[in-house]
Amino acid sequence: MTRLILCSLFLLAAWPLPANPKFNGRWDISVAGHPAGRAWWLELAGVGTAAPKGTFISAYAGDLNVIDEINIKGDELVFSFRPRNQGLLVYKARLVGDKLEGTFESGGQTRLRWTGVRAAEIREKDDGSWKRGRPVPLFNGKDLTGWKGLIANRELGWTVKDGALTNTPKANNLVGEQSFWNFELSVDFRLGPRSNSGLGLRGRYEVQILEDYGRPLDKHSNGALYSRIVPGMPASKPAGEWQTYEIRLVGRELSVVLNGKKIIDRGVIDGLTAMAIDANEAEPGPLVLQGDHGAVEFRKIVLTPLTR
């Protein structure tokens, strides 16, 4: 009888724990110790079945990546990617209450630690009930008043010349010192050949700025919600010409007018993009100007809050 009990206990201990279905859903992830304050995003589905699946921002290329491998036992999650010409990228996490406590590993070493919380439910809709407040000029045409560098103690790499805010390539991204929730945003920008920039709305959602005149549309095109929403039509101008964005954000609904053409009409933002610096989706956030890619100029940046 004693031997039978011991055998039974051994079999129970060896039996794999069923995957906890509480992993399912969307997670906003804060990364500890990242110099740029990066935030990631994870969505899991089918946990608790034989075919779990997931998507993740940002394993590589800043895209919405389909997870290559997922392994879940009880409250422990491991998912990984095998990008070309790189070592294995491994993300591990445990469910702790209703949070994820995780690590990122590459080359067999822990590189970063992170915490995931469930993505906020934002129910506000762009339903015609929102009223325009007083416009707020975010760039005065003279200097960088109202802006700070994303990475502390790093040179800004931005100057103002002839009324235009201009970066040097690989400049520090600029973060506005004011935070906003729902708003309309008017921006004039100009790019050189093959250049690349972006606008981070609430510090979380990037509207792409890209010199792509004459090229096919995709999820990285000028005016795209980066890696998430493809513009509905081409509207870019050639390199060296001034272009204009009229952007409207209410809750998770985004509308984008590029050079007078509506290219996104109340598109739903599922979650963070790779430019995100803050994972608190239920809170107001700043505007971020991307300067760490190619050369870009801005000459008008005006935000109009929307209220009821």
Protein backbone atom coordinates (compact mmCIF):
# COMPACT_ATOMS: atom_id res chain seq x y z
CA MET A 1 0.00 0.00 0.00
CA THR A 2 2.83 2.41 0.88
CA ARG A 3 4.50 1.69 -2.46
CA LEU A 4 1.20 2.34 -4.29
CA ILE A 5 0.75 5.68 -2.50
CA LEU A 6 4.33 6.72 -3.33
CA CYS A 7 3.82 5.75 -6.98
CA SER A 8 0.62 7.77 -7.12
CA LEU A 9 2.32 10.82 -5.60
CA PHE A 10 5.18 10.51 -8.11
CA LEU A 11 2.76 10.36 -11.04
CA LEU A 12 0.86 13.39 -9.76
CA ALA A 13 4.09 15.35 -9.37
CA ALA A 14 5.19 14.41 -12.88
CA TRP A 15 1.84 15.21 -14.48
CA PRO A 16 2.10 18.50 -16.45
CA LEU A 17 0.18 21.40 -14.97
CA PRO A 18 -2.62 22.69 -17.20
CA ALA A 19 -1.95 26.11 -18.70
CA ASN A 20 -3.69 28.85 -16.75
CA PRO A 21 -6.29 30.52 -19.05
CA LYS A 22 -5.81 33.78 -17.12
CA PHE A 23 -2.89 34.42 -19.49
CA ASN A 24 -5.40 35.09 -22.28
CA GLY A 25 -6.00 38.71 -23.25
CA ARG A 26 -4.01 41.87 -23.93
CA TRP A 27 -1.15 43.00 -21.72
CA ASP A 28 0.62 46.36 -21.46
CA ILE A 29 4.22 45.86 -20.41
CA SER A 30 6.57 48.22 -18.56
CA VAL A 31 10.26 47.47 -19.00
CA ALA A 32 12.52 48.12 -16.00
CA GLY A 33 15.79 49.92 -16.57
CA HIS A 34 15.41 50.62 -20.29
CA PRO A 35 17.12 53.98 -21.01
CA ALA A 36 14.35 55.02 -23.41
CA GLY A 37 11.54 53.93 -21.05
CA ARG A 38 10.16 51.46 -23.57
CA ALA A 39 6.77 49.83 -23.20
CA TRP A 40 5.82 46.53 -24.89
CA TRP A 41 2.52 44.86 -25.76
CA LEU A 42 1.44 41.22 -25.68
CA GLU A 43 -1.75 39.43 -26.72
CA LEU A 44 -2.39 35.76 -25.95
CA ALA A 45 -5.32 33.59 -27.04
CA GLY A 46 -6.15 29.92 -26.81
CA VAL A 47 -4.25 29.41 -23.57
CA GLY A 48 -5.74 26.32 -21.95
CA THR A 49 -6.24 24.63 -25.33
CA ALA A 50 -3.86 22.57 -27.44
CA ALA A 51 -3.11 25.55 -29.72
CA PRO A 52 -2.18 28.73 -27.84
CA LYS A 53 -1.10 31.65 -30.00
CA GLY A 54 0.10 35.17 -29.51
CA THR A 55 1.39 38.44 -30.93
CA PHE A 56 3.99 40.75 -29.44
CA ILE A 57 5.49 44.23 -29.75
CA SER A 58 8.45 44.49 -29.81
CA ALA A 59 10.65 41.48 -30.33
CA TYR A 60 12.39 42.86 -33.41
CA ALA A 61 11.82 45.45 -36.14
CA GLY A 62 9.19 47.14 -33.98
CA ASP A 63 6.49 45.14 -35.71
CA LEU A 64 3.45 43.29 -34.44
CA ASN A 65 5.26 39.94 -34.42
CA VAL A 66 3.52 36.58 -34.38
CA ILE A 67 5.14 34.56 -31.60
CA ASP A 68 7.21 31.66 -32.94
CA GLU A 69 7.01 29.35 -29.93
CA ILE A 70 4.78 29.34 -26.84
CA ASN A 71 5.10 27.02 -23.86
CA ILE A 72 2.79 27.44 -20.86
CA LYS A 73 2.70 25.24 -17.77
CA GLY A 74 0.41 26.32 -14.98
CA ASP A 75 1.33 29.89 -14.09
CA GLU A 76 4.59 29.88 -16.05
CA LEU A 77 4.88 31.29 -19.58
CA VAL A 78 7.79 31.04 -22.02
CA PHE A 79 7.64 32.46 -25.53
CA SER A 80 10.42 32.98 -28.01
CA PHE A 81 11.50 34.24 -31.42
CA ARG A 82 14.16 33.09 -33.84
CA PRO A 83 15.07 36.16 -35.93
CA ARG A 84 17.52 35.72 -38.76
CA ASN A 85 21.18 36.34 -37.95
CA GLN A 86 20.42 36.77 -34.24
CA GLY A 87 20.43 34.54 -31.21
CA LEU A 88 17.27 33.11 -29.72
CA LEU A 89 15.11 35.76 -28.00
CA VAL A 90 13.35 34.32 -24.95
CA TYR A 91 10.66 35.94 -22.82
CA LYS A 92 9.60 34.32 -19.54
CA ALA A 93 6.85 35.33 -17.13
CA ARG A 94 4.83 34.15 -14.15
CA LEU A 95 1.31 35.11 -13.20
CA VAL A 96 1.47 36.98 -9.91
CA GLY A 97 -2.09 37.85 -8.97
CA ASP A 98 -3.39 39.59 -12.08
CA LYS A 99 0.05 40.74 -13.28
CA LEU A 100 2.88 39.24 -15.27
CA GLU A 101 6.38 39.36 -13.81
CA GLY A 102 8.88 38.55 -16.52
CA THR A 103 12.37 38.60 -17.99
CA PHE A 104 13.89 38.94 -21.44
CA GLU A 105 16.85 36.72 -22.27
CA SER A 106 19.26 36.54 -25.20
CA GLY A 107 22.53 34.73 -25.51
CA GLY A 108 21.57 32.77 -22.42
CA GLN A 109 21.64 35.89 -20.23
CA THR A 110 18.86 37.94 -18.65
CA ARG A 111 18.89 41.36 -20.33
CA LEU A 112 15.75 43.04 -18.97
CA ARG A 113 12.98 42.58 -16.43
CA TRP A 114 9.40 43.57 -17.11
CA THR A 115 5.92 43.75 -15.62
CA GLY A 116 2.66 43.29 -17.53
CA VAL A 117 -0.78 44.55 -16.56
CA ARG A 118 -4.04 43.99 -18.37
CA ALA A 119 -4.64 46.57 -21.08
CA ALA A 120 -7.17 49.18 -20.07
CA GLU A 121 -10.71 49.07 -21.43
CA ILE A 122 -11.32 52.44 -23.09
CA ARG A 123 -14.95 52.81 -24.10
CA GLU A 124 -15.02 56.39 -25.42
CA LYS A 125 -16.10 56.73 -29.05
CA ASP A 126 -15.72 59.47 -31.62
CA ASP A 127 -19.50 59.84 -31.74
CA GLY A 128 -19.90 63.54 -32.50
CA SER A 129 -20.33 64.55 -28.86
CA TRP A 130 -16.80 65.93 -28.40
CA LYS A 131 -16.20 69.69 -28.39
CA ARG A 132 -13.01 71.49 -29.39
CA GLY A 133 -11.23 73.39 -26.65
CA ARG A 134 -8.63 76.12 -26.92
CA PRO A 135 -5.76 75.24 -29.31
CA VAL A 136 -2.39 74.71 -27.64
CA PRO A 137 0.70 75.56 -29.76
CA LEU A 138 3.35 73.00 -28.81
CA PHE A 139 6.15 74.59 -30.85
CA ASN A 140 6.75 78.34 -30.66
CA GLY A 141 8.88 78.57 -33.84
CA LYS A 142 11.85 79.94 -31.86
CA ASP A 143 13.26 77.33 -29.48
CA LEU A 144 12.60 74.03 -27.70
CA THR A 145 10.50 75.44 -24.88
CA GLY A 146 8.04 72.76 -23.72
CA TRP A 147 10.15 69.81 -24.90
CA LYS A 148 12.70 67.51 -23.30
CA GLY A 149 14.86 64.64 -24.48
CA LEU A 150 13.55 61.11 -24.08
CA ILE A 151 16.92 59.76 -22.94
CA ALA A 152 18.34 61.69 -20.00
CA ASN A 153 21.86 63.12 -20.22
CA ARG A 154 21.98 62.62 -23.98
CA GLU A 155 22.45 65.53 -26.38
CA LEU A 156 19.16 66.62 -27.96
CA GLY A 157 20.36 66.95 -31.54
CA TRP A 158 17.61 69.43 -32.45
CA THR A 159 17.82 73.08 -33.50
CA VAL A 160 15.41 75.75 -34.73
CA LYS A 161 16.25 77.36 -38.06
CA ASP A 162 14.02 79.70 -40.08
CA GLY A 163 11.09 78.82 -37.83
CA ALA A 164 11.45 75.05 -38.30
CA LEU A 165 12.38 72.47 -35.69
CA THR A 166 15.12 70.36 -37.26
CA ASN A 167 17.00 67.27 -36.10
CA THR A 168 20.32 65.73 -36.91
CA PRO A 169 20.07 62.00 -37.73
CA LYS A 170 20.13 59.79 -34.61
CA ALA A 171 18.96 62.70 -32.45
CA ASN A 172 17.27 62.20 -29.10
CA ASN A 173 13.51 61.77 -29.43
CA LEU A 174 11.61 64.77 -28.04
CA VAL A 175 8.87 64.39 -25.43
CA GLY A 176 6.35 67.15 -24.81
CA GLU A 177 6.11 68.40 -21.25
CA GLN A 178 2.29 68.47 -21.33
CA SER A 179 -0.04 65.46 -21.30
CA PHE A 180 -3.32 65.14 -23.18
CA TRP A 181 -6.18 62.66 -23.56
CA ASN A 182 -8.58 63.18 -26.51
CA PHE A 183 -7.50 65.78 -29.06
CA GLU A 184 -7.03 67.02 -32.59
CA LEU A 185 -3.47 67.55 -33.74
CA SER A 186 -2.24 69.65 -36.67
CA VAL A 187 1.38 69.15 -37.76
CA ASP A 188 3.45 70.41 -40.71
CA PHE A 189 6.53 68.32 -41.50
CA ARG A 190 9.16 67.90 -44.21
CA LEU A 191 11.44 64.97 -45.01
CA GLY A 192 14.54 64.38 -47.07
CA PRO A 193 14.88 61.42 -49.47
CA ARG A 194 14.25 58.02 -47.83
CA SER A 195 13.89 59.60 -44.40
CA ASN A 196 11.78 58.34 -41.51
CA SER A 197 10.22 59.79 -38.36
CA GLY A 198 7.00 59.47 -36.34
CA LEU A 199 4.51 61.07 -33.98
CA GLY A 200 3.88 59.29 -30.68
CA LEU A 201 0.28 60.04 -29.59
CA ARG A 202 -0.15 59.95 -25.78
CA GLY A 203 3.39 58.61 -25.85
CA ARG A 204 1.98 55.23 -26.96
CA TYR A 205 0.69 55.12 -30.55
CA GLU A 206 2.92 56.04 -33.50
CA VAL A 207 1.58 57.66 -36.62
CA GLN A 208 4.33 56.98 -39.14
CA ILE A 209 6.20 59.74 -40.95
CA LEU A 210 7.98 58.31 -43.98
CA GLU A 211 9.29 59.55 -47.32
CA ASP A 212 7.48 57.00 -49.51
CA TYR A 213 6.12 58.97 -52.47
CA GLY A 214 5.05 56.58 -55.24
CA ARG A 215 5.55 53.42 -53.22
CA PRO A 216 2.84 50.79 -52.46
CA LEU A 217 0.90 51.10 -49.21
CA ASP A 218 1.58 48.87 -46.23
CA LYS A 219 1.47 49.01 -42.43
CA HIS A 220 4.67 51.09 -42.39
CA SER A 221 3.59 53.70 -44.94
CA ASN A 222 3.40 57.43 -44.33
CA GLY A 223 0.26 57.95 -42.24
CA ALA A 224 0.00 54.37 -41.00
CA LEU A 225 -0.60 53.55 -37.38
CA TYR A 226 2.77 51.86 -37.21
CA SER A 227 2.56 48.10 -37.83
CA ARG A 228 -1.21 48.15 -37.15
CA ILE A 229 -3.38 50.17 -39.56
CA VAL A 230 -2.62 50.60 -43.28
CA PRO A 231 -3.62 53.95 -44.85
CA GLY A 232 -6.70 53.74 -47.05
CA MET A 233 -5.13 55.62 -49.97
CA PRO A 234 -1.78 57.16 -51.00
CA ALA A 235 -1.41 60.83 -50.04
CA SER A 236 2.33 61.45 -49.63
CA LYS A 237 4.21 64.27 -51.34
CA PRO A 238 7.74 63.98 -52.76
CA ALA A 239 10.81 64.49 -50.59
CA GLY A 240 11.56 68.11 -49.79
CA GLU A 241 7.92 69.28 -49.85
CA TRP A 242 6.04 70.37 -46.76
CA GLN A 243 3.26 67.99 -45.74
CA THR A 244 0.39 68.30 -43.26
CA TYR A 245 -1.23 65.94 -40.80
CA GLU A 246 -4.64 66.49 -39.24
CA ILE A 247 -4.99 63.79 -36.60
CA ARG A 248 -7.94 63.09 -34.30
CA LEU A 249 -7.77 60.71 -31.34
CA VAL A 250 -10.79 59.82 -29.18
CA GLY A 251 -10.47 56.85 -26.87
CA ARG A 252 -8.99 54.17 -29.13
CA GLU A 253 -10.45 55.64 -32.35
CA LEU A 254 -7.96 57.31 -34.68
CA SER A 255 -8.59 59.43 -37.76
CA VAL A 256 -5.75 60.71 -39.95
CA VAL A 257 -5.91 63.25 -42.78
CA LEU A 258 -2.67 63.53 -44.77
CA ASN A 259 -2.33 66.45 -47.18
CA GLY A 260 -6.11 66.88 -47.30
CA LYS A 261 -6.96 63.19 -47.84
CA LYS A 262 -8.55 61.09 -45.11
CA ILE A 263 -6.44 57.96 -44.99
CA ILE A 264 -7.69 56.51 -41.66
CA ASP A 265 -11.30 57.00 -40.56
CA ARG A 266 -11.92 56.11 -36.91
CA GLY A 267 -9.57 53.15 -37.04
CA VAL A 268 -9.49 51.20 -33.79
CA ILE A 269 -6.15 51.10 -31.98
CA ASP A 270 -5.77 47.62 -30.52
CA GLY A 271 -2.76 48.51 -28.40
CA LEU A 272 0.69 50.01 -28.04
CA THR A 273 3.11 50.42 -30.93
CA ALA A 274 6.89 50.08 -30.75
CA MET A 275 7.37 53.81 -30.12
CA ALA A 276 5.51 53.58 -26.79
CA ILE A 277 7.30 55.03 -23.77
CA ASP A 278 4.44 54.58 -21.28
CA ALA A 279 2.21 51.54 -20.75
CA ASN A 280 -0.55 53.28 -18.78
CA GLU A 281 -3.13 53.36 -21.58
CA ALA A 282 -5.94 54.73 -19.39
CA GLU A 283 -3.99 57.93 -18.60
CA PRO A 284 -3.26 61.09 -20.61
CA GLY A 285 0.14 61.20 -22.24
CA PRO A 286 2.53 63.49 -24.13
CA LEU A 287 3.29 63.96 -27.80
CA VAL A 288 6.61 62.41 -28.84
CA LEU A 289 8.61 63.47 -31.91
CA GLN A 290 10.88 60.79 -33.32
CA GLY A 291 14.32 62.06 -34.22
CA ASP A 292 16.51 58.98 -33.91
CA HIS A 293 15.98 57.85 -37.52
CA GLY A 294 16.37 60.17 -40.52
CA ALA A 295 16.31 63.94 -40.95
CA VAL A 296 12.96 65.66 -40.37
CA GLU A 297 11.63 69.20 -39.88
CA PHE A 298 8.50 70.47 -38.13
CA ARG A 299 7.20 74.01 -38.47
CA LYS A 300 3.71 73.83 -36.91
CA ILE A 301 2.53 71.64 -34.04
CA VAL A 302 -0.86 72.64 -32.62
CA LEU A 303 -2.99 70.43 -30.38
CA THR A 304 -6.65 71.11 -29.62
CA PRO A 305 -8.08 69.20 -26.63
CA LEU A 306 -11.50 67.56 -27.06
CA THR A 307 -13.95 67.53 -24.17
CA ARG A 308 -17.65 66.90 -23.56
